Amino acid sequence: MARVCAVCGKGPSFGHHVSNANNKTTRRWYPNLQAVRALVDGAPKRIRVCTQCLKSGRVVKAPRGKAKAEAEATG
């Protein structure tokens, strides 16, 4: 599974570790992804979303329980 946000598409960034001797080796910074049950096309689905999308409200979390999900979808 790719380390990419399902909403905004944010992926890893690249850079260097720099030692005291100024040796540079490649490293990666990964986005802070969380597995969330979210509503995708009206149905709950498990997706990986970055925390910035969660905090900004770009993701609608699915309600817990099957009865609640059906009640909210119909009413």
Protein backbone atom coordinates (compact mmCIF):
# COMPACT_ATOMS: atom_id res chain seq x y z
CA MET A 1 0.00 0.00 0.00
CA ALA A 2 1.42 3.37 -0.99
CA ARG A 3 2.15 5.98 1.66
CA VAL A 4 -0.13 8.53 0.00
CA CYS A 5 -3.11 10.46 1.36
CA ALA A 6 -6.36 9.34 -0.30
CA VAL A 7 -7.78 12.89 -0.21
CA CYS A 8 -5.01 15.34 -1.11
CA GLY A 9 -2.44 12.95 -2.63
CA LYS A 10 0.35 14.00 -0.28
CA GLY A 11 3.27 11.58 -0.43
CA PRO A 12 6.82 11.27 0.91
CA SER A 13 9.32 14.15 0.63
CA PHE A 14 12.99 13.59 -0.12
CA GLY A 15 16.10 15.13 1.35
CA HIS A 16 19.43 14.35 2.96
CA HIS A 17 20.78 13.27 6.32
CA VAL A 18 23.75 15.55 6.92
CA SER A 19 26.41 14.33 9.35
CA ASN A 20 28.90 16.43 11.29
CA ALA A 21 31.44 15.61 8.58
CA ASN A 22 28.92 16.97 6.02
CA ASN A 23 28.36 13.53 4.47
CA LYS A 24 24.96 13.44 2.78
CA THR A 25 22.81 10.34 2.53
CA THR A 26 19.29 10.26 1.10
CA ARG A 27 16.32 10.10 3.43
CA ARG A 28 12.54 10.38 3.20
CA TRP A 29 9.97 12.22 5.29
CA TYR A 30 6.62 10.44 5.35
CA PRO A 31 3.25 12.17 5.79
CA ASN A 32 1.38 11.48 9.01
CA LEU A 33 -1.26 9.07 7.66
CA GLN A 34 -4.09 7.65 9.72
CA ALA A 35 -6.46 4.82 8.79
CA VAL A 36 -10.00 6.22 9.03
CA ARG A 37 -13.48 4.91 8.34
CA ALA A 38 -14.83 7.66 6.11
CA LEU A 39 -17.87 8.10 3.90
CA VAL A 40 -16.84 7.56 0.28
CA ASP A 41 -19.72 7.92 -2.20
CA GLY A 42 -22.18 7.56 0.70
CA ALA A 43 -20.74 4.26 1.96
CA PRO A 44 -18.27 3.76 4.81
CA LYS A 45 -14.83 2.75 3.61
CA ARG A 46 -11.43 2.47 5.27
CA ILE A 47 -8.96 4.95 3.75
CA ARG A 48 -5.56 6.38 4.70
CA VAL A 49 -5.73 10.13 5.23
CA CYS A 50 -3.12 12.67 6.36
CA THR A 51 -3.80 14.48 9.63
CA GLN A 52 -4.03 17.86 7.89
CA CYS A 53 -7.03 16.62 5.88
CA LEU A 54 -8.62 15.27 9.08
CA LYS A 55 -8.11 18.54 10.98
CA SER A 56 -9.33 20.75 8.14
CA GLY A 57 -12.60 18.81 7.75
CA ARG A 58 -11.95 17.53 4.22
CA VAL A 59 -12.94 14.04 5.40
CA VAL A 60 -16.41 13.03 6.61
CA LYS A 61 -16.00 10.27 9.18
CA ALA A 62 -18.46 7.39 9.01
CA PRO A 63 -20.73 6.93 12.04
CA ARG A 64 -20.17 3.86 14.19
CA GLY A 65 -22.60 0.98 13.84
CA LYS A 66 -24.56 -0.24 10.86
CA ALA A 67 -27.98 1.00 12.05
CA LYS A 68 -26.73 4.57 12.51
CA ALA A 69 -25.13 4.59 9.07
CA GLU A 70 -28.34 3.41 7.40
CA ALA A 71 -30.47 5.89 9.37
CA GLU A 72 -28.26 8.85 8.43
CA ALA A 73 -28.10 7.81 4.78
CA THR A 74 -31.90 7.62 4.47
CA GLY A 75 -32.89 10.53 6.69
